C-alpha atoms as a PDB file:
ATOM      1  CA  TRP A   1     -70.453 -44.314 -76.317  1.00  0.00           C
ATOM      2  CA  GLY A   2     -72.739 -43.419 -78.745  1.00  0.00           C
ATOM      3  CA  TYR A   3     -75.426 -45.171 -77.830  1.00  0.00           C
ATOM      4  CA  SER A   4     -74.936 -44.607 -74.091  1.00  0.00           C
ATOM      5  CA  ILE A   5     -74.622 -41.394 -74.310  1.00  0.00           C
ATOM      6  CA  ALA A   6     -77.824 -40.266 -75.826  1.00  0.00           C
ATOM      7  CA  ALA A   7     -79.421 -42.784 -73.627  1.00  0.00           C
ATOM      8  CA  ALA A   8     -78.138 -40.289 -71.118  1.00  0.00           C
ATOM      9  CA  ARG A   9     -79.633 -37.234 -72.621  1.00  0.00           C
ATOM     10  CA  LEU A  10     -82.714 -39.058 -73.513  1.00  0.00           C
ATOM     11  CA  LYS A  11     -83.016 -40.021 -70.074  1.00  0.00           C
ATOM     12  CA  ILE A  12     -83.099 -43.778 -70.656  1.00  0.00           C
ATOM     13  CA  LYS A  13     -82.080 -46.418 -67.212  1.00  0.00           C
ATOM     14  CA  HIS A  14     -80.951 -49.397 -67.438  1.00  0.00           C
ATOM     15  CA  PHE A  15     -80.658 -52.276 -65.577  1.00  0.00           C
ATOM     16  CA  VAL A  16     -77.209 -53.693 -64.523  1.00  0.00           C
ATOM     17  CA  TRP A  17     -76.442 -57.035 -63.446  1.00  0.00           C
ATOM     18  CA  GLN A  18     -72.703 -57.438 -62.416  1.00  0.00           C
ATOM     19  CA  ARG A  19     -72.707 -61.218 -63.165  1.00  0.00           C
ATOM     20  CA  ILE A  20     -73.998 -61.515 -66.866  1.00  0.00           C
ATOM     21  CA  GLN A  21     -69.931 -62.174 -67.449  1.00  0.00           C
ATOM     22  CA  ILE A  22     -67.122 -63.161 -66.251  1.00  0.00           C
ATOM     23  CA  GLU A  23     -63.667 -62.547 -67.129  1.00  0.00           C
ATOM     24  CA  PRO A  24     -61.622 -64.945 -65.245  1.00  0.00           C
ATOM     25  CA  SER A  25     -57.642 -64.310 -66.011  1.00  0.00           C
ATOM     26  CA  ALA A  26     -54.291 -66.228 -64.171  1.00  0.00           C
ATOM     27  CA  ALA A  27     -53.691 -62.197 -62.681  1.00  0.00           C
ATOM     28  CA  TRP A  28     -56.513 -62.658 -60.399  1.00  0.00           C
ATOM     29  CA  HIS A  29     -58.853 -64.572 -58.872  1.00  0.00           C
ATOM     30  CA  GLN A  30     -62.586 -65.108 -59.756  1.00  0.00           C
ATOM     31  CA  THR A  31     -64.521 -67.502 -57.915  1.00  0.00           C
ATOM     32  CA  LEU A  32     -66.773 -69.379 -60.488  1.00  0.00           C
ATOM     33  CA  SER A  33     -68.132 -72.436 -58.086  1.00  0.00           C
ATOM     34  CA  GLU A  34     -69.112 -70.870 -55.371  1.00  0.00           C
ATOM     35  CA  ARG A  35     -71.563 -68.117 -54.543  1.00  0.00           C
ATOM     36  CA  ASP A  36     -70.982 -64.351 -54.158  1.00  0.00           C
ATOM     37  CA  GLY A  37     -72.879 -62.915 -51.381  1.00  0.00           C
ATOM     38  CA  ASP A  38     -76.746 -63.259 -51.141  1.00  0.00           C
ATOM     39  CA  TRP A  39     -77.927 -62.406 -54.315  1.00  0.00           C
ATOM     40  CA  ALA A  40     -75.277 -63.428 -56.964  1.00  0.00           C
ATOM     41  CA  PRO A  41     -74.253 -67.075 -57.582  1.00  0.00           C
ATOM     42  CA  ALA A  42     -71.714 -67.210 -59.351  1.00  0.00           C
ATOM     43  CA  VAL A  43     -71.980 -70.206 -61.235  1.00  0.00           C
ATOM     44  CA  ASP A  44     -73.311 -70.070 -64.938  1.00  0.00           C
ATOM     45  CA  PRO A  45     -72.895 -66.645 -65.968  1.00  0.00           C
ATOM     46  CA  PHE A  46     -74.782 -66.079 -70.021  1.00  0.00           C
ATOM     47  CA  ILE A  47     -71.104 -65.274 -71.537  1.00  0.00           C
ATOM     48  CA  TYR A  48     -67.531 -66.004 -70.259  1.00  0.00           C
ATOM     49  CA  HIS A  49     -64.648 -62.844 -71.882  1.00  0.00           C
ATOM     50  CA  TYR A  50     -62.056 -64.628 -73.128  1.00  0.00           C
ATOM     51  CA  THR A  51     -59.630 -61.323 -72.963  1.00  0.00           C
ATOM     52  CA  PHE A  52     -56.824 -62.221 -71.070  1.00  0.00           C
ATOM     53  CA  GLY A  53     -54.618 -65.629 -71.080  1.00  0.00           C
ATOM     54  CA  VAL A  54     -54.435 -68.202 -68.952  1.00  0.00           C
ATOM     55  CA  GLU A  55     -50.939 -69.133 -67.698  1.00  0.00           C
ATOM     56  CA  TYR A  56     -49.407 -71.064 -65.623  1.00  0.00           C
ATOM     57  CA  LEU A  57     -46.136 -72.290 -64.761  1.00  0.00           C
ATOM     58  CA  LEU A  58     -45.847 -76.351 -63.869  1.00  0.00           C
ATOM     59  CA  ASP A  59     -45.781 -75.996 -59.971  1.00  0.00           C
ATOM     60  CA  GLY A  60     -49.106 -73.332 -59.925  1.00  0.00           C
ATOM     61  CA  SER A  61     -48.145 -70.177 -60.332  1.00  0.00           C
ATOM     62  CA  PRO A  62     -49.589 -67.445 -62.302  1.00  0.00           C
ATOM     63  CA  VAL A  63     -47.572 -65.636 -65.217  1.00  0.00           C
ATOM     64  CA  VAL A  64     -49.149 -62.166 -66.692  1.00  0.00           C
ATOM     65  CA  GLY A  65     -47.380 -60.739 -69.376  1.00  0.00           C
ATOM     66  CA  GLY A  66     -45.886 -63.739 -70.602  1.00  0.00           C
ATOM     67  CA  LYS A  67     -46.180 -67.287 -72.162  1.00  0.00           C
ATOM     68  CA  GLY A  68     -46.280 -70.269 -68.811  1.00  0.00           C
ATOM     69  CA  THR A  69     -45.468 -73.583 -68.495  1.00  0.00           C
ATOM     70  CA  TRP A  70     -49.849 -74.693 -69.124  1.00  0.00           C
ATOM     71  CA  SER A  71     -51.549 -71.805 -71.511  1.00  0.00           C
ATOM     72  CA  LEU A  72     -54.313 -71.682 -72.308  1.00  0.00           C
ATOM     73  CA  ASP A  73     -54.441 -68.172 -74.424  1.00  0.00           C
ATOM     74  CA  LYS A  74     -56.196 -67.623 -77.167  1.00  0.00           C
ATOM     75  CA  ARG A  75     -53.347 -66.292 -78.923  1.00  0.00           C
ATOM     76  CA  ASN A  76     -51.933 -69.155 -79.090  1.00  0.00           C
ATOM     77  CA  TYR A  77     -54.365 -70.908 -80.662  1.00  0.00           C
ATOM     78  CA  PHE A  78     -55.306 -68.321 -83.915  1.00  0.00           C
ATOM     79  CA  GLY A  79     -57.799 -70.400 -86.679  1.00  0.00           C
ATOM     80  CA  ALA A  80     -58.707 -73.173 -84.400  1.00  0.00           C
ATOM     81  CA  ALA A  81     -59.273 -74.883 -81.303  1.00  0.00           C
ATOM     82  CA  PRO A  82     -56.882 -75.899 -78.569  1.00  0.00           C
ATOM     83  CA  PRO A  83     -55.631 -79.396 -78.955  1.00  0.00           C
ATOM     84  CA  PRO A  84     -58.536 -81.896 -77.266  1.00  0.00           C
ATOM     85  CA  ASP A  85     -55.884 -83.550 -75.612  1.00  0.00           C
ATOM     86  CA  LEU A  86     -55.486 -80.495 -73.779  1.00  0.00           C
ATOM     87  CA  LYS A  87     -53.563 -81.057 -70.722  1.00  0.00           C
ATOM     88  CA  ALA A  88     -54.579 -80.733 -66.908  1.00  0.00           C
ATOM     89  CA  PRO A  89     -53.640 -77.534 -65.424  1.00  0.00           C
ATOM     90  CA  PRO A  90     -50.892 -77.034 -62.760  1.00  0.00           C
ATOM     91  CA  GLU A  91     -53.240 -78.724 -59.412  1.00  0.00           C
ATOM     92  CA  CYS A  92     -52.716 -75.320 -57.885  1.00  0.00           C
ATOM     93  CA  ALA A  93     -54.274 -73.215 -61.160  1.00  0.00           C
ATOM     94  CA  GLN A  94     -56.992 -71.367 -60.277  1.00  0.00           C
ATOM     95  CA  GLU A  95     -59.872 -72.777 -60.232  1.00  0.00           C
ATOM     96  CA  ALA A  96     -61.270 -70.483 -64.121  1.00  0.00           C
ATOM     97  CA  GLY A  97     -57.939 -72.298 -65.605  1.00  0.00           C
ATOM     98  CA  ARG A  98     -59.710 -75.398 -64.823  1.00  0.00           C
ATOM     99  CA  VAL A  99     -63.571 -75.040 -66.059  1.00  0.00           C
ATOM    100  CA  TRP A 100     -61.882 -73.385 -69.015  1.00  0.00           C
ATOM    101  CA  TRP A 101     -59.849 -76.397 -70.229  1.00  0.00           C
ATOM    102  CA  GLY A 102     -63.142 -78.990 -69.157  1.00  0.00           C
ATOM    103  CA  MET A 103     -65.528 -76.966 -71.785  1.00  0.00           C
ATOM    104  CA  PHE A 104     -62.342 -77.341 -74.768  1.00  0.00           C
END
């Protein structure tokens, strides 16, 4: 906050690039492979902000505020990466779950 206030007082201008990071979740849909308008491809962001868990029931229904049958949540892996044999997310899961699973 200190930098933001000082920059504003000094009238320093910044360019805000909306797609520098994405923050997918099972709770809302965020397309990763399609274009988001004419100016912003949704692929290859610089940062995948891994804040929210990606939790699903086996039928592909998202789980919000709890642990799903299929889970990719950093809170489940303190001190270690997810296991190399982590099963794929359910077929009906949103794209973010499949993309992150593929990254691990």
